[in-house]
Amino acid sequence: MNDQPDRSDRWRRLLDLLAEHGRLTVSQTATALGVSEATVRRDFTDLARQQLVTRTHGGVVATSVAYDLPARYRASAEHDAKERIAAAAAELVNAGTVVGFNGGTTTSATARRLAAAIEPTRSAAEPALTVVTNALNIAAEMVLRPHVRTVSLGGVARPQSYEMTGPLASMVLDELWLDLLVLGVDGLSADGGASCEHDGEAGINAKMVQRAERVVIVAGADKIGRRAFARICAVDQVDVLVTDADAPRDEVAALEAAGVDVRIAGQQTSEMA
């Protein structure tokens, strides 16, 4: 997927413009993004195919569901650390994968990046990607993408994080296997493992870890070396950490010594084997 980042960034900027204005013309968008009108027309067609916009004569209008999501989950600035982490993490996911996501701003950005970058299949019966999530906002965005099969775990939703917890989510997970889990955390350290602030979320996240073949943690530098209230899993259950260049070097070294493959966003883009 190494040929996708430019298009993914352009689509994100285009959708940000559309969220702001509600309606865009081809010429207006081409000027704002600094690209040709032919490129914008192709982007409009592709985004309409994914039901993220609605085509009109000479432009597009916003698809209401995509833009009524909470503002805290809208894309950050182009060079924001979370967006760099999301872009790097999305490159680790292959087409056809069953990938799990818990809630959070970085996992939400990763899911959005991945859905935009993955190439749609020709048959609706063969999804390009299967997303399993306990996050309402991620499910709401992914279900708009025809090439993504979206599985929502159910349960009781927490308004603070949009994550669903409880026995229903756990029962559904018992019947599923994940090829890969993209996990957001409030803390990660070599001695304390992965952790978060809410015990209910920690329980479901721990179950997702158990059901996953590989676990990729996405976390900014402020989460590294920190221990939050409730433990999700031990460090030996973490395969990859994608973080930013400000992560404490001693903590990164300790995680690597514990067997975690640490990827610094913007410095390493090789795909996971």
Protein backbone atom coordinates (compact mmCIF):
# COMPACT_ATOMS: atom_id res chain seq x y z
CA MET A 1 0.00 0.00 0.00
CA ASN A 2 2.99 2.30 -0.29
CA ASP A 3 1.43 4.12 -3.27
CA GLN A 4 -1.56 5.31 -1.19
CA PRO A 5 -0.36 7.95 1.31
CA ASP A 6 -0.69 10.96 -1.04
CA ARG A 7 -4.22 10.04 -1.98
CA SER A 8 -5.16 9.30 1.64
CA ASP A 9 -3.87 12.69 2.78
CA ARG A 10 -5.68 14.42 -0.08
CA TRP A 11 -8.95 12.67 0.75
CA ARG A 12 -8.63 13.63 4.40
CA ARG A 13 -8.07 17.28 3.47
CA LEU A 14 -10.97 17.13 1.01
CA LEU A 15 -13.32 15.67 3.64
CA ASP A 16 -12.20 18.29 6.15
CA LEU A 17 -13.13 20.99 3.60
CA LEU A 18 -16.46 19.32 2.98
CA ALA A 19 -17.17 19.08 6.72
CA GLU A 20 -16.51 22.82 6.96
CA HIS A 21 -18.50 23.96 3.92
CA GLY A 22 -21.09 21.21 3.42
CA ARG A 23 -20.78 21.48 -0.37
CA LEU A 24 -17.79 21.67 -2.73
CA THR A 25 -17.35 22.30 -6.44
CA VAL A 26 -14.67 20.73 -8.61
CA SER A 27 -12.91 24.03 -9.29
CA GLN A 28 -13.10 25.16 -5.66
CA THR A 29 -11.58 21.89 -4.45
CA ALA A 30 -8.86 21.82 -7.09
CA THR A 31 -7.75 25.31 -6.05
CA ALA A 32 -7.84 24.51 -2.34
CA LEU A 33 -5.84 21.28 -2.70
CA GLY A 34 -3.50 22.43 -5.47
CA VAL A 35 -4.36 19.56 -7.80
CA SER A 36 -5.97 19.23 -11.23
CA GLU A 37 -9.72 19.22 -11.75
CA ALA A 38 -9.39 15.73 -13.29
CA THR A 39 -7.87 14.48 -10.03
CA VAL A 40 -10.70 16.04 -8.03
CA ARG A 41 -13.34 14.44 -10.25
CA ARG A 42 -11.74 11.02 -9.72
CA ASP A 43 -11.61 11.65 -5.97
CA PHE A 44 -15.26 12.70 -5.92
CA THR A 45 -16.22 9.51 -7.79
CA ASP A 46 -14.20 7.28 -5.48
CA LEU A 47 -15.54 8.94 -2.33
CA ALA A 48 -19.11 8.71 -3.60
CA ARG A 49 -18.56 5.00 -4.28
CA GLN A 50 -17.58 4.65 -0.60
CA GLN A 51 -20.72 6.64 0.37
CA LEU A 52 -18.64 9.35 2.05
CA VAL A 53 -20.02 12.06 -0.25
CA THR A 54 -22.98 12.51 -2.57
CA ARG A 55 -22.27 13.63 -6.14
CA THR A 56 -24.07 16.65 -7.53
CA HIS A 57 -23.77 18.43 -10.85
CA GLY A 58 -20.28 19.92 -10.73
CA GLY A 59 -19.44 18.89 -7.18
CA VAL A 60 -20.34 16.99 -4.02
CA VAL A 61 -22.30 17.47 -0.82
CA ALA A 62 -21.58 15.96 2.57
CA THR A 63 -23.06 12.62 3.57
CA SER A 64 -24.67 13.58 6.86
CA VAL A 65 -23.75 10.50 8.87
CA ALA A 66 -20.04 10.96 8.24
CA TYR A 67 -20.02 14.55 9.44
CA ASP A 68 -22.33 14.30 12.42
CA LEU A 69 -19.72 12.26 14.32
CA PRO A 70 -18.23 13.84 17.45
CA ALA A 71 -15.71 16.57 16.68
CA ARG A 72 -13.08 14.91 18.85
CA TYR A 73 -12.80 12.14 16.23
CA ARG A 74 -12.31 14.38 13.20
CA ALA A 75 -8.95 14.21 11.47
CA SER A 76 -6.16 16.21 13.05
CA ALA A 77 -3.79 18.56 11.27
CA GLU A 78 -1.74 16.99 8.48
CA HIS A 79 1.48 16.81 10.48
CA ASP A 80 -0.07 15.86 13.79
CA ALA A 81 1.73 13.02 15.56
CA LYS A 82 -1.46 10.96 15.82
CA GLU A 83 -1.99 11.14 12.09
CA ARG A 84 1.59 10.03 11.46
CA ILE A 85 1.13 7.12 13.85
CA ALA A 86 -2.15 6.22 12.16
CA ALA A 87 -0.59 6.29 8.71
CA ALA A 88 2.30 4.06 9.82
CA ALA A 89 -0.02 1.60 11.56
CA ALA A 90 -2.36 1.38 8.55
CA GLU A 91 0.56 0.23 6.43
CA LEU A 92 0.88 -2.88 8.61
CA VAL A 93 -2.54 -4.21 7.60
CA ASN A 94 -2.91 -6.34 4.49
CA ALA A 95 -5.99 -6.65 2.29
CA GLY A 96 -8.38 -9.38 3.38
CA THR A 97 -7.40 -9.03 7.03
CA VAL A 98 -9.81 -9.28 9.96
CA VAL A 99 -8.66 -6.35 12.06
CA GLY A 100 -9.95 -5.28 15.46
CA PHE A 101 -10.08 -1.74 16.84
CA ASN A 102 -10.88 -0.50 20.32
CA GLY A 103 -11.92 3.11 20.85
CA GLY A 104 -9.75 6.22 20.93
CA THR A 105 -8.56 9.07 18.75
CA THR A 106 -5.50 7.23 17.41
CA THR A 107 -7.33 3.99 16.64
CA SER A 108 -10.09 6.01 14.97
CA ALA A 109 -7.53 7.80 12.80
CA THR A 110 -5.91 4.46 11.93
CA ALA A 111 -9.23 2.91 10.90
CA ARG A 112 -10.01 5.94 8.74
CA ARG A 113 -6.59 5.82 7.08
CA LEU A 114 -6.85 2.11 6.47
CA ALA A 115 -10.33 2.24 4.95
CA ALA A 116 -9.23 5.00 2.58
CA ALA A 117 -6.03 3.23 1.55
CA ILE A 118 -7.24 -0.34 1.07
CA GLU A 119 -8.26 -1.12 -2.51
CA PRO A 120 -11.91 -2.16 -2.93
CA THR A 121 -12.58 -5.64 -4.28
CA ARG A 122 -14.69 -6.18 -7.37
CA SER A 123 -17.24 -8.31 -5.52
CA ALA A 124 -19.31 -7.09 -2.59
CA ALA A 125 -19.36 -10.70 -1.38
CA GLU A 126 -15.60 -10.52 -0.83
CA PRO A 127 -14.85 -7.52 1.43
CA ALA A 128 -11.42 -5.96 1.11
CA LEU A 129 -11.27 -5.70 4.88
CA THR A 130 -13.24 -6.88 7.91
CA VAL A 131 -13.31 -4.48 10.85
CA VAL A 132 -14.36 -5.73 14.29
CA THR A 133 -14.80 -2.95 16.84
CA ASN A 134 -16.42 -2.05 20.14
CA ALA A 135 -16.21 1.67 19.26
CA LEU A 136 -19.44 3.25 18.03
CA ASN A 137 -17.73 6.02 16.09
CA ILE A 138 -15.45 3.62 14.20
CA ALA A 139 -18.38 1.35 13.33
CA ALA A 140 -20.41 4.36 12.13
CA GLU A 141 -17.62 5.43 9.77
CA MET A 142 -16.66 1.97 8.52
CA VAL A 143 -20.20 0.90 7.68
CA LEU A 144 -20.28 3.67 5.06
CA ARG A 145 -17.51 1.92 3.13
CA PRO A 146 -19.01 -0.78 0.86
CA HIS A 147 -15.68 -2.62 0.61
CA VAL A 148 -15.37 -2.94 4.41
CA ARG A 149 -17.35 -5.53 6.35
CA THR A 150 -18.12 -3.99 9.74
CA VAL A 151 -18.76 -6.06 12.85
CA SER A 152 -19.93 -4.18 15.95
CA LEU A 153 -19.51 -6.05 19.22
CA GLY A 154 -22.53 -4.60 21.00
CA GLY A 155 -22.76 -3.93 24.72
CA VAL A 156 -23.22 -0.83 26.87
CA ALA A 157 -21.72 2.33 25.37
CA ARG A 158 -19.63 4.75 27.41
CA PRO A 159 -20.16 8.38 26.26
CA GLN A 160 -16.62 9.34 27.30
CA SER A 161 -14.95 6.98 24.81
CA TYR A 162 -17.80 5.61 22.60
CA GLU A 163 -16.61 2.12 23.54
CA MET A 164 -19.10 -0.65 24.25
CA THR A 165 -18.38 -2.88 27.23
CA GLY A 166 -20.09 -5.58 29.24
CA PRO A 167 -20.97 -9.27 28.86
CA LEU A 168 -22.61 -8.90 25.43
CA ALA A 169 -19.39 -7.60 23.86
CA SER A 170 -17.46 -10.38 25.58
CA MET A 171 -19.88 -13.07 24.31
CA VAL A 172 -19.52 -11.89 20.70
CA LEU A 173 -15.74 -11.87 20.97
CA ASP A 174 -15.79 -15.47 22.17
CA GLU A 175 -17.05 -16.45 18.71
CA LEU A 176 -14.55 -14.44 16.66
CA TRP A 177 -10.87 -14.54 15.71
CA LEU A 178 -8.87 -11.46 14.76
CA ASP A 179 -5.87 -11.55 12.44
CA LEU A 180 -4.64 -8.31 13.94
CA LEU A 181 -5.72 -5.95 16.72
CA VAL A 182 -4.98 -2.22 16.62
CA LEU A 183 -5.09 -1.27 20.28
CA GLY A 184 -5.17 2.20 21.80
CA VAL A 185 -3.99 2.49 25.41
CA ASP A 186 -3.59 5.06 28.16
CA GLY A 187 -0.28 3.57 29.26
CA LEU A 188 2.40 1.15 28.08
CA SER A 189 5.56 0.12 29.88
CA ALA A 190 7.88 -2.86 29.89
CA ASP A 191 7.07 -3.75 33.49
CA GLY A 192 3.40 -2.76 33.62
CA GLY A 193 2.27 -3.83 30.15
CA ALA A 194 -0.65 -2.13 28.41
CA SER A 195 -3.26 -0.37 30.54
CA CYS A 196 -6.20 2.05 30.43
CA GLU A 197 -8.18 4.16 32.89
CA HIS A 198 -11.50 2.29 32.84
CA ASP A 199 -11.74 -1.27 34.16
CA GLY A 200 -14.71 -2.17 31.94
CA GLU A 201 -12.85 -1.12 28.82
CA ALA A 202 -9.75 -2.96 30.03
CA GLY A 203 -11.75 -6.18 30.27
CA ILE A 204 -13.03 -6.02 26.69
CA ASN A 205 -9.65 -4.89 25.39
CA ALA A 206 -8.00 -7.82 27.16
CA LYS A 207 -10.46 -10.20 25.50
CA MET A 208 -9.65 -8.64 22.10
CA VAL A 209 -5.96 -9.26 22.77
CA GLN A 210 -6.70 -12.91 23.55
CA ARG A 211 -8.62 -13.33 20.29
CA ALA A 212 -5.95 -11.69 18.10
CA GLU A 213 -3.07 -13.35 16.28
CA ARG A 214 -1.03 -10.16 16.48
CA VAL A 215 -1.37 -7.03 18.61
CA VAL A 216 -0.31 -3.58 17.38
CA ILE A 217 -0.44 -0.79 19.94
CA VAL A 218 -0.78 2.77 18.65
CA ALA A 219 0.24 5.32 21.27
CA GLY A 220 1.79 8.77 21.41
CA ALA A 221 4.95 9.51 23.37
CA ASP A 222 2.95 10.70 26.39
CA LYS A 223 1.59 7.16 26.90
CA ILE A 224 4.97 5.40 26.83
CA GLY A 225 6.42 4.53 30.24
CA ARG A 226 3.08 5.33 31.88
CA ARG A 227 0.89 2.95 33.87
CA ALA A 228 -2.86 3.57 33.99
CA PHE A 229 -5.46 2.21 36.42
CA ALA A 230 -6.45 -1.11 34.82
CA ARG A 231 -4.11 -3.52 33.04
CA ILE A 232 -5.09 -4.82 29.62
CA CYS A 233 -2.26 -7.26 28.99
CA ALA A 234 1.37 -8.00 29.76
CA VAL A 235 4.06 -6.67 27.46
CA ASP A 236 4.82 -10.16 26.11
CA GLN A 237 1.41 -10.14 24.44
CA VAL A 238 2.29 -7.02 22.43
CA ASP A 239 3.89 -7.59 19.03
CA VAL A 240 4.32 -4.06 17.67
CA LEU A 241 4.25 -0.53 19.08
CA VAL A 242 3.76 2.39 16.69
CA THR A 243 4.66 5.65 18.39
CA ASP A 244 6.30 8.99 17.61
CA ALA A 245 9.85 10.26 17.80
CA ASP A 246 9.33 11.91 21.19
CA ALA A 247 8.87 8.58 22.98
CA PRO A 248 11.34 8.26 25.89
CA ARG A 249 14.42 6.43 24.63
CA ASP A 250 14.94 4.42 27.80
CA GLU A 251 11.35 3.19 27.72
CA VAL A 252 11.62 2.33 24.02
CA ALA A 253 14.80 0.38 24.73
CA ALA A 254 13.10 -1.50 27.59
CA LEU A 255 10.16 -2.40 25.37
CA GLU A 256 12.46 -3.60 22.61
CA ALA A 257 14.40 -5.68 25.14
CA ALA A 258 11.07 -7.24 26.15
CA GLY A 259 10.50 -8.33 22.54
CA VAL A 260 8.27 -5.53 21.23
CA ASP A 261 8.93 -4.36 17.66
CA VAL A 262 8.92 -0.57 18.08
CA ARG A 263 8.09 1.47 14.98
CA ILE A 264 8.70 5.21 15.02
CA ALA A 265 6.10 6.85 12.77
CA GLY A 266 7.72 8.51 9.79
CA GLN A 267 10.90 6.49 10.07
CA GLN A 268 9.79 2.95 9.24
CA THR A 269 7.15 1.84 6.75
CA SER A 270 7.90 -1.82 6.05
CA GLU A 271 4.86 -4.11 6.11
CA MET A 272 4.33 -6.67 8.81
CA ALA A 273 5.26 -10.16 7.76
